Amino acid sequence: MKPGKVFSISRSEPQDPQEPPRRAGWWKMKILLLKDPKDDDSGQDPYIQELGSCGFEATLIPVLSFEFLSLQSFSEKLSHPEAYGGLIFTSPRAVEAMQLCLERDGKLEVWKKSLKEKWRIKPAYVVGQATASLVRKIGLATEGEKCGNGEKLAEYICSRIPLESITVYQKIPHPGIQDSLKNYFSQGIPASVTFFSPSGLTYSLSYIQELSGNSFDQIKFAAIGPTTARAMASTGIPVSCTAERPCPHDLATGLQKVLQP
């Protein structure tokens, strides 16, 4: 395939012998994850499942809501695979935007009959394993999820091809974030809080500071990736750990190291 431009669509005991051993004292240590719940094939959020298997009591609180944008323009671009050399999905929300386009514009049949195969022969780059899983469900082969984060993937892609970007959603504060955090902190201060995006940090930090009070400095703060870690550092928050890759296993491994009693 000739290079072409692409557009970016914005446990019990551990079973892995390489995992750090669980030690007495961390059982049921509370971990707060500031993200939406996502079910895997087992019907449980993968982060809750992984952290639970390591002896942590993890809780999810959504901090962001989303509004989809430019879907008509996106839909038109999807109709012309010949104009592009591939796709880049930057998040699960971007895949949701594509699904909306196919459903709303009556393109589902066209997608099944012809469009899917035309796009399938082109690379579909993804940021992270969760996004990759969703992209595969719509019938496309994925590439790049092992890069670890968006920055490394971007370096890889931009070294090969020109890029056209389209923003298909924007982030806004989740309407229930304040009440959810207030209820959570009324039951005690968590040992750790993990931020999953700079936006999530922006919309939740002031509430966490207020609700934790004098205990704020006792909390170990974690980041899902380097971009979020930099945003945390810029606000003066000490970053205790950054997941090597944005996945449940790597986050759990990092938290085990920093939360040893």
C-alpha atoms as a PDB file:
ATOM      1  CA  MET A   1       0.000   0.000   0.000  1.00  0.00           C
ATOM      2  CA  LYS A   2       1.319   3.398  -0.924  1.00  0.00           C
ATOM      3  CA  PRO A   3       1.728   5.866   1.916  1.00  0.00           C
ATOM      4  CA  GLY A   4      -1.269   8.115   2.240  1.00  0.00           C
ATOM      5  CA  LYS A   5      -2.692  10.535   4.719  1.00  0.00           C
ATOM      6  CA  VAL A   6      -4.760   9.269   7.612  1.00  0.00           C
ATOM      7  CA  PHE A   7      -7.201  11.057   9.824  1.00  0.00           C
ATOM      8  CA  SER A   8      -7.263  10.784  13.578  1.00  0.00           C
ATOM      9  CA  ILE A   9     -10.573  10.164  15.342  1.00  0.00           C
ATOM     10  CA  SER A  10     -10.265  12.235  18.142  1.00  0.00           C
ATOM     11  CA  ARG A  11      -8.455 -12.154  42.293  1.00  0.00           C
ATOM     12  CA  SER A  12      -7.456 -14.269  45.575  1.00  0.00           C
ATOM     13  CA  GLU A  13      -3.659 -14.435  45.116  1.00  0.00           C
ATOM     14  CA  PRO A  14      -1.883 -13.004  42.046  1.00  0.00           C
ATOM     15  CA  GLN A  15      -1.456 -15.653  39.363  1.00  0.00           C
ATOM     16  CA  ASP A  16       1.473 -14.074  37.509  1.00  0.00           C
ATOM     17  CA  PRO A  17       4.738 -15.259  39.123  1.00  0.00           C
ATOM     18  CA  GLN A  18       6.433 -12.028  38.007  1.00  0.00           C
ATOM     19  CA  GLU A  19       4.055  -9.819  39.960  1.00  0.00           C
ATOM     20  CA  PRO A  20       5.312  -8.340  43.228  1.00  0.00           C
ATOM     21  CA  PRO A  21       4.157 -10.488  46.163  1.00  0.00           C
ATOM     22  CA  ARG A  22       1.265  -9.182  48.206  1.00  0.00           C
ATOM     23  CA  ARG A  23       2.284  -8.343  51.743  1.00  0.00           C
ATOM     24  CA  ALA A  24       0.387  -8.242  54.987  1.00  0.00           C
ATOM     25  CA  GLY A  25      -1.246  -4.872  55.474  1.00  0.00           C
ATOM     26  CA  TRP A  26      -2.451  -3.979  52.023  1.00  0.00           C
ATOM     27  CA  TRP A  27      -5.564  -6.108  52.089  1.00  0.00           C
ATOM     28  CA  LYS A  28      -8.569  -3.959  51.247  1.00  0.00           C
ATOM     29  CA  MET A  29      -6.511  -0.794  50.944  1.00  0.00           C
ATOM     30  CA  LYS A  30      -8.794   1.733  49.272  1.00  0.00           C
ATOM     31  CA  ILE A  31      -8.008   2.943  45.751  1.00  0.00           C
ATOM     32  CA  LEU A  32     -10.018   5.621  43.923  1.00  0.00           C
ATOM     33  CA  LEU A  33     -10.054   5.507  40.121  1.00  0.00           C
ATOM     34  CA  LEU A  34     -11.368   8.604  38.377  1.00  0.00           C
ATOM     35  CA  LYS A  35     -12.782   7.000  35.227  1.00  0.00           C
ATOM     36  CA  ASP A  36     -15.899   5.567  33.636  1.00  0.00           C
ATOM     37  CA  PRO A  37     -16.661   1.908  34.322  1.00  0.00           C
ATOM     38  CA  LYS A  38     -15.980  -0.366  31.362  1.00  0.00           C
ATOM     39  CA  ASP A  39     -17.107  -4.004  31.381  1.00  0.00           C
ATOM     40  CA  ASP A  40     -14.958  -6.719  29.842  1.00  0.00           C
ATOM     41  CA  ASP A  41     -16.118 -10.198  28.840  1.00  0.00           C
ATOM     42  CA  SER A  42     -16.449 -11.133  32.515  1.00  0.00           C
ATOM     43  CA  GLY A  43     -18.912  -8.283  33.089  1.00  0.00           C
ATOM     44  CA  GLN A  44     -16.539  -6.428  35.428  1.00  0.00           C
ATOM     45  CA  ASP A  45     -14.385  -3.398  34.844  1.00  0.00           C
ATOM     46  CA  PRO A  46     -10.837  -4.664  34.100  1.00  0.00           C
ATOM     47  CA  TYR A  47      -9.237  -2.175  36.521  1.00  0.00           C
ATOM     48  CA  ILE A  48     -11.542  -3.211  39.363  1.00  0.00           C
ATOM     49  CA  GLN A  49     -10.830  -6.854  38.587  1.00  0.00           C
ATOM     50  CA  GLU A  50      -7.038  -6.477  38.417  1.00  0.00           C
ATOM     51  CA  LEU A  51      -6.706  -4.297  41.510  1.00  0.00           C
ATOM     52  CA  GLY A  52      -9.091  -6.548  43.428  1.00  0.00           C
ATOM     53  CA  SER A  53      -6.943  -9.553  42.579  1.00  0.00           C
ATOM     54  CA  CYS A  54      -4.011  -7.708  44.180  1.00  0.00           C
ATOM     55  CA  GLY A  55      -5.923  -7.122  47.401  1.00  0.00           C
ATOM     56  CA  PHE A  56      -7.046  -3.540  46.810  1.00  0.00           C
ATOM     57  CA  GLU A  57     -10.565  -2.203  47.288  1.00  0.00           C
ATOM     58  CA  ALA A  58     -10.971  -0.138  44.124  1.00  0.00           C
ATOM     59  CA  THR A  59     -13.844   2.242  43.377  1.00  0.00           C
ATOM     60  CA  LEU A  60     -14.665   3.984  40.099  1.00  0.00           C
ATOM     61  CA  ILE A  61     -16.076   7.504  39.951  1.00  0.00           C
ATOM     62  CA  PRO A  62     -16.733   9.049  36.521  1.00  0.00           C
ATOM     63  CA  VAL A  63     -15.452  12.613  36.269  1.00  0.00           C
ATOM     64  CA  LEU A  64     -16.152  13.294  32.594  1.00  0.00           C
ATOM     65  CA  SER A  65     -19.099  13.371  30.246  1.00  0.00           C
ATOM     66  CA  PHE A  66     -18.846  13.654  26.484  1.00  0.00           C
ATOM     67  CA  GLU A  67     -20.546  15.514  23.666  1.00  0.00           C
ATOM     68  CA  PHE A  68     -20.097  14.216  20.138  1.00  0.00           C
ATOM     69  CA  LEU A  69     -19.070  16.715  17.471  1.00  0.00           C
ATOM     70  CA  SER A  70     -18.670  16.905  13.673  1.00  0.00           C
ATOM     71  CA  LEU A  71     -20.385  13.579  13.082  1.00  0.00           C
ATOM     72  CA  GLN A  72     -21.719  14.617   9.662  1.00  0.00           C
ATOM     73  CA  SER A  73     -18.242  15.527   8.485  1.00  0.00           C
ATOM     74  CA  PHE A  74     -16.861  12.324   9.986  1.00  0.00           C
ATOM     75  CA  SER A  75     -19.538  10.288   8.237  1.00  0.00           C
ATOM     76  CA  GLU A  76     -18.645  11.807   4.875  1.00  0.00           C
ATOM     77  CA  LYS A  77     -14.983  10.957   5.364  1.00  0.00           C
ATOM     78  CA  LEU A  78     -15.853   7.375   6.250  1.00  0.00           C
ATOM     79  CA  SER A  79     -17.595   7.126   2.878  1.00  0.00           C
ATOM     80  CA  HIS A  80     -14.335   7.811   1.034  1.00  0.00           C
ATOM     81  CA  PRO A  81     -11.698   5.300   2.171  1.00  0.00           C
ATOM     82  CA  GLU A  82      -9.855   5.845  -1.098  1.00  0.00           C
ATOM     83  CA  ALA A  83      -8.850   9.317   0.095  1.00  0.00           C
ATOM     84  CA  TYR A  84      -6.949   8.053   3.142  1.00  0.00           C
ATOM     85  CA  GLY A  85      -4.158   5.699   4.038  1.00  0.00           C
ATOM     86  CA  GLY A  86      -5.673   4.602   7.352  1.00  0.00           C
ATOM     87  CA  LEU A  87      -7.440   5.529  10.575  1.00  0.00           C
ATOM     88  CA  ILE A  88      -6.252   6.569  14.035  1.00  0.00           C
ATOM     89  CA  PHE A  89      -8.544   6.018  17.019  1.00  0.00           C
ATOM     90  CA  THR A  90      -7.304   7.986  20.026  1.00  0.00           C
ATOM     91  CA  SER A  91      -9.828   6.620  22.556  1.00  0.00           C
ATOM     92  CA  PRO A  92     -12.857   4.349  22.982  1.00  0.00           C
ATOM     93  CA  ARG A  93     -15.037   7.447  22.526  1.00  0.00           C
ATOM     94  CA  ALA A  94     -13.690   7.874  19.012  1.00  0.00           C
ATOM     95  CA  VAL A  95     -14.853   4.342  18.190  1.00  0.00           C
ATOM     96  CA  GLU A  96     -18.271   5.181  19.656  1.00  0.00           C
ATOM     97  CA  ALA A  97     -18.423   8.206  17.349  1.00  0.00           C
ATOM     98  CA  MET A  98     -17.806   5.961  14.356  1.00  0.00           C
ATOM     99  CA  GLN A  99     -20.528   3.562  15.463  1.00  0.00           C
ATOM    100  CA  LEU A 100     -22.941   6.493  15.795  1.00  0.00           C
ATOM    101  CA  CYS A 101     -22.153   7.636  12.261  1.00  0.00           C
ATOM    102  CA  LEU A 102     -22.820   4.194  10.844  1.00  0.00           C
ATOM    103  CA  GLU A 103     -26.108   3.839  12.739  1.00  0.00           C
ATOM    104  CA  ARG A 104     -27.502   7.360  12.335  1.00  0.00           C
ATOM    105  CA  ASP A 105     -26.758   7.784   8.638  1.00  0.00           C
ATOM    106  CA  GLY A 106     -28.008   4.370   7.576  1.00  0.00           C
ATOM    107  CA  LYS A 107     -24.519   3.301   6.570  1.00  0.00           C
ATOM    108  CA  LEU A 108     -24.514   0.042   8.496  1.00  0.00           C
ATOM    109  CA  GLU A 109     -25.476  -2.060   5.494  1.00  0.00           C
ATOM    110  CA  VAL A 110     -23.058  -0.222   3.229  1.00  0.00           C
ATOM    111  CA  TRP A 111     -20.365  -0.724   5.850  1.00  0.00           C
ATOM    112  CA  LYS A 112     -21.015  -4.458   5.988  1.00  0.00           C
ATOM    113  CA  LYS A 113     -21.176  -4.862   2.206  1.00  0.00           C
ATOM    114  CA  SER A 114     -18.251  -2.772   1.040  1.00  0.00           C
ATOM    115  CA  LEU A 115     -16.868  -0.018   3.265  1.00  0.00           C
ATOM    116  CA  LYS A 116     -15.542  -2.325   5.979  1.00  0.00           C
ATOM    117  CA  GLU A 117     -13.361  -4.278   3.560  1.00  0.00           C
ATOM    118  CA  LYS A 118     -12.037  -1.098   1.960  1.00  0.00           C
ATOM    119  CA  TRP A 119     -11.003   0.261   5.353  1.00  0.00           C
ATOM    120  CA  ARG A 120      -9.806  -3.147   6.570  1.00  0.00           C
ATOM    121  CA  ILE A 121      -6.924  -3.213   4.090  1.00  0.00           C
ATOM    122  CA  LYS A 122      -5.647   0.035   5.607  1.00  0.00           C
ATOM    123  CA  PRO A 123      -3.980   0.360   9.033  1.00  0.00           C
ATOM    124  CA  ALA A 124      -6.196   1.257  11.997  1.00  0.00           C
ATOM    125  CA  TYR A 125      -3.873   2.704  14.629  1.00  0.00           C
ATOM    126  CA  VAL A 126      -5.085   2.745  18.222  1.00  0.00           C
ATOM    127  CA  VAL A 127      -4.031   4.173  21.574  1.00  0.00           C
ATOM    128  CA  GLY A 128      -4.377   1.468  24.235  1.00  0.00           C
ATOM    129  CA  GLN A 129      -5.823  -2.007  24.524  1.00  0.00           C
ATOM    130  CA  ALA A 130      -9.378  -0.929  25.390  1.00  0.00           C
ATOM    131  CA  THR A 131      -9.628   1.063  22.163  1.00  0.00           C
ATOM    132  CA  ALA A 132      -8.083  -1.791  20.192  1.00  0.00           C
ATOM    133  CA  SER A 133     -10.716  -4.207  21.487  1.00  0.00           C
ATOM    134  CA  LEU A 134     -13.564  -1.939  20.340  1.00  0.00           C
ATOM    135  CA  VAL A 135     -12.013  -1.355  16.929  1.00  0.00           C
ATOM    136  CA  ARG A 136     -11.697  -5.098  16.374  1.00  0.00           C
ATOM    137  CA  LYS A 137     -15.371  -5.505  17.251  1.00  0.00           C
ATOM    138  CA  ILE A 138     -16.363  -3.281  14.322  1.00  0.00           C
ATOM    139  CA  GLY A 139     -14.331  -5.468  11.984  1.00  0.00           C
ATOM    140  CA  LEU A 140     -11.012  -3.676  11.607  1.00  0.00           C
ATOM    141  CA  ALA A 141      -7.510  -4.953  12.300  1.00  0.00           C
ATOM    142  CA  THR A 142      -5.588  -2.845  14.802  1.00  0.00           C
ATOM    143  CA  GLU A 143      -2.025  -1.638  14.926  1.00  0.00           C
ATOM    144  CA  GLY A 144       0.035   0.283  17.455  1.00  0.00           C
ATOM    145  CA  GLU A 145      -1.602  -0.601  20.761  1.00  0.00           C
ATOM    146  CA  LYS A 146       1.737  -1.901  22.063  1.00  0.00           C
ATOM    147  CA  CYS A 147       3.332   1.528  21.696  1.00  0.00           C
ATOM    148  CA  GLY A 148       2.206   2.136  25.275  1.00  0.00           C
ATOM    149  CA  ASN A 149       0.872   5.676  25.009  1.00  0.00           C
ATOM    150  CA  GLY A 150      -0.315   8.293  22.550  1.00  0.00           C
ATOM    151  CA  GLU A 151       2.977  10.119  22.341  1.00  0.00           C
ATOM    152  CA  LYS A 152       4.932   7.068  21.215  1.00  0.00           C
ATOM    153  CA  LEU A 153       2.213   6.102  18.759  1.00  0.00           C
ATOM    154  CA  ALA A 154       2.146   9.624  17.327  1.00  0.00           C
ATOM    155  CA  GLU A 155       5.910   9.581  16.793  1.00  0.00           C
ATOM    156  CA  TYR A 156       5.607   6.291  14.952  1.00  0.00           C
ATOM    157  CA  ILE A 157       2.739   7.421  12.719  1.00  0.00           C
ATOM    158  CA  CYS A 158       4.021  10.906  11.900  1.00  0.00           C
ATOM    159  CA  SER A 159       7.382   9.487  10.838  1.00  0.00           C
ATOM    160  CA  ARG A 160       5.588   7.573   8.062  1.00  0.00           C
ATOM    161  CA  ILE A 161       2.596   9.541   6.750  1.00  0.00           C
ATOM    162  CA  PRO A 162       0.858  12.929   6.625  1.00  0.00           C
ATOM    163  CA  LEU A 163      -2.019  13.366   9.039  1.00  0.00           C
ATOM    164  CA  GLU A 164      -5.490  14.917   8.931  1.00  0.00           C
ATOM    165  CA  SER A 165      -7.291  15.218  12.262  1.00  0.00           C
ATOM    166  CA  ILE A 166     -10.986  15.503  13.055  1.00  0.00           C
ATOM    167  CA  THR A 167     -12.355  16.118  16.557  1.00  0.00           C
ATOM    168  CA  VAL A 168     -15.469  14.024  17.106  1.00  0.00           C
ATOM    169  CA  TYR A 169     -16.170  14.650  20.821  1.00  0.00           C
ATOM    170  CA  GLN A 170     -15.380  17.064  23.617  1.00  0.00           C
ATOM    171  CA  LYS A 171     -15.051  16.483  27.345  1.00  0.00           C
ATOM    172  CA  ILE A 172     -17.250  18.187  29.926  1.00  0.00           C
ATOM    173  CA  PRO A 173     -17.561  17.643  33.702  1.00  0.00           C
ATOM    174  CA  HIS A 174     -19.716  14.699  34.729  1.00  0.00           C
ATOM    175  CA  PRO A 175     -22.891  16.114  36.304  1.00  0.00           C
ATOM    176  CA  GLY A 176     -22.658  13.829  39.346  1.00  0.00           C
ATOM    177  CA  ILE A 177     -18.973  14.211  40.120  1.00  0.00           C
ATOM    178  CA  GLN A 178     -19.291  16.452  43.181  1.00  0.00           C
ATOM    179  CA  ASP A 179     -21.929  14.334  44.908  1.00  0.00           C
ATOM    180  CA  SER A 180     -20.132  11.077  44.058  1.00  0.00           C
ATOM    181  CA  LEU A 181     -16.834  12.291  45.477  1.00  0.00           C
ATOM    182  CA  LYS A 182     -18.520  13.729  48.564  1.00  0.00           C
ATOM    183  CA  ASN A 183     -20.210  10.397  49.273  1.00  0.00           C
ATOM    184  CA  TYR A 184     -16.968   8.462  48.691  1.00  0.00           C
ATOM    185  CA  PHE A 185     -14.803  10.637  50.943  1.00  0.00           C
ATOM    186  CA  SER A 186     -17.435  10.600  53.688  1.00  0.00           C
ATOM    187  CA  GLN A 187     -16.516   6.917  54.123  1.00  0.00           C
ATOM    188  CA  GLY A 188     -12.796   7.573  54.556  1.00  0.00           C
ATOM    189  CA  ILE A 189      -9.677   8.782  52.785  1.00  0.00           C
ATOM    190  CA  PRO A 190      -8.293   6.496  50.062  1.00  0.00           C
ATOM    191  CA  ALA A 191      -4.700   5.320  50.094  1.00  0.00           C
ATOM    192  CA  SER A 192      -4.369   6.316  46.452  1.00  0.00           C
ATOM    193  CA  VAL A 193      -6.154   8.252  43.712  1.00  0.00           C
ATOM    194  CA  THR A 194      -5.518   7.587  40.021  1.00  0.00           C
ATOM    195  CA  PHE A 195      -6.160  10.194  37.357  1.00  0.00           C
ATOM    196  CA  PHE A 196      -6.872   8.963  33.838  1.00  0.00           C
ATOM    197  CA  SER A 197      -6.638  12.220  31.889  1.00  0.00           C
ATOM    198  CA  PRO A 198      -5.675  15.882  32.271  1.00  0.00           C
ATOM    199  CA  SER A 199      -9.355  16.792  31.907  1.00  0.00           C
ATOM    200  CA  GLY A 200     -10.321  14.428  34.687  1.00  0.00           C
ATOM    201  CA  LEU A 201      -7.698  16.083  36.858  1.00  0.00           C
ATOM    202  CA  THR A 202      -9.041  19.548  36.062  1.00  0.00           C
ATOM    203  CA  TYR A 203     -12.631  18.671  36.910  1.00  0.00           C
ATOM    204  CA  SER A 204     -11.966  16.732  40.135  1.00  0.00           C
ATOM    205  CA  LEU A 205      -8.873  18.120  41.863  1.00  0.00           C
ATOM    206  CA  SER A 206     -10.524  20.988  43.743  1.00  0.00           C
ATOM    207  CA  TYR A 207     -13.185  18.656  45.155  1.00  0.00           C
ATOM    208  CA  ILE A 208     -10.563  16.112  46.258  1.00  0.00           C
ATOM    209  CA  GLN A 209      -8.487  18.806  47.957  1.00  0.00           C
ATOM    210  CA  GLU A 210     -11.536  20.125  49.812  1.00  0.00           C
ATOM    211  CA  LEU A 211     -12.920  16.734  50.822  1.00  0.00           C
ATOM    212  CA  SER A 212      -9.611  15.233  51.964  1.00  0.00           C
ATOM    213  CA  GLY A 213      -8.609  18.321  53.974  1.00  0.00           C
ATOM    214  CA  ASN A 214      -5.481  17.804  56.062  1.00  0.00           C
ATOM    215  CA  SER A 215      -5.203  14.231  54.775  1.00  0.00           C
ATOM    216  CA  PHE A 216      -4.539  15.341  51.194  1.00  0.00           C
ATOM    217  CA  ASP A 217      -0.761  14.987  51.556  1.00  0.00           C
ATOM    218  CA  GLN A 218      -1.157  11.390  52.757  1.00  0.00           C
ATOM    219  CA  ILE A 219      -2.709  10.271  49.479  1.00  0.00           C
ATOM    220  CA  LYS A 220      -0.511   8.605  46.856  1.00  0.00           C
ATOM    221  CA  PHE A 221      -1.434  10.012  43.455  1.00  0.00           C
ATOM    222  CA  ALA A 222      -1.017   7.926  40.306  1.00  0.00           C
ATOM    223  CA  ALA A 223      -1.275   8.692  36.586  1.00  0.00           C
ATOM    224  CA  ILE A 224      -2.390   6.387  33.794  1.00  0.00           C
ATOM    225  CA  GLY A 225       0.235   7.824  31.436  1.00  0.00           C
ATOM    226  CA  PRO A 226       2.919  10.480  30.918  1.00  0.00           C
ATOM    227  CA  THR A 227       0.596  13.204  29.619  1.00  0.00           C
ATOM    228  CA  THR A 228      -1.589  12.961  32.710  1.00  0.00           C
ATOM    229  CA  ALA A 229       1.515  12.780  34.919  1.00  0.00           C
ATOM    230  CA  ARG A 230       2.816  16.049  33.465  1.00  0.00           C
ATOM    231  CA  ALA A 231      -0.538  17.723  34.025  1.00  0.00           C
ATOM    232  CA  MET A 232      -0.487  16.571  37.649  1.00  0.00           C
ATOM    233  CA  ALA A 233       3.060  17.805  38.169  1.00  0.00           C
ATOM    234  CA  SER A 234       2.141  21.196  36.715  1.00  0.00           C
ATOM    235  CA  THR A 235      -0.461  21.647  39.461  1.00  0.00           C
ATOM    236  CA  GLY A 236       2.074  20.741  42.156  1.00  0.00           C
ATOM    237  CA  ILE A 237       0.736  17.253  42.851  1.00  0.00           C
ATOM    238  CA  PRO A 238       3.494  14.697  43.592  1.00  0.00           C
ATOM    239  CA  VAL A 239       3.137  11.811  41.143  1.00  0.00           C
ATOM    240  CA  SER A 240       3.834   8.627  43.090  1.00  0.00           C
ATOM    241  CA  CYS A 241       3.631   6.384  40.053  1.00  0.00           C
ATOM    242  CA  THR A 242       2.844   6.413  36.342  1.00  0.00           C
ATOM    243  CA  ALA A 243       1.625   3.241  34.655  1.00  0.00           C
ATOM    244  CA  GLU A 244       4.225   2.035  32.167  1.00  0.00           C
ATOM    245  CA  ARG A 245       1.373   1.277  29.777  1.00  0.00           C
ATOM    246  CA  PRO A 246      -2.263   2.422  30.093  1.00  0.00           C
ATOM    247  CA  CYS A 247      -3.607  -0.960  31.201  1.00  0.00           C
ATOM    248  CA  PRO A 248      -4.896  -2.522  34.451  1.00  0.00           C
ATOM    249  CA  HIS A 249      -1.861  -4.768  34.999  1.00  0.00           C
ATOM    250  CA  ASP A 250       0.689  -1.986  34.754  1.00  0.00           C
ATOM    251  CA  LEU A 251      -1.307   0.347  36.981  1.00  0.00           C
ATOM    252  CA  ALA A 252      -1.701  -2.398  39.595  1.00  0.00           C
ATOM    253  CA  THR A 253       2.028  -3.158  39.452  1.00  0.00           C
ATOM    254  CA  GLY A 254       2.888   0.493  40.004  1.00  0.00           C
ATOM    255  CA  LEU A 255       0.460   0.892  42.894  1.00  0.00           C
ATOM    256  CA  GLN A 256       1.775  -2.252  44.578  1.00  0.00           C
ATOM    257  CA  LYS A 257       5.262  -0.744  44.602  1.00  0.00           C
ATOM    258  CA  VAL A 258       4.308   2.638  46.047  1.00  0.00           C
ATOM    259  CA  LEU A 259       1.756   1.347  48.556  1.00  0.00           C
ATOM    260  CA  GLN A 260       3.943  -1.230  50.279  1.00  0.00           C
ATOM    261  CA  PRO A 261       3.279  -0.942  54.018  1.00  0.00           C
END
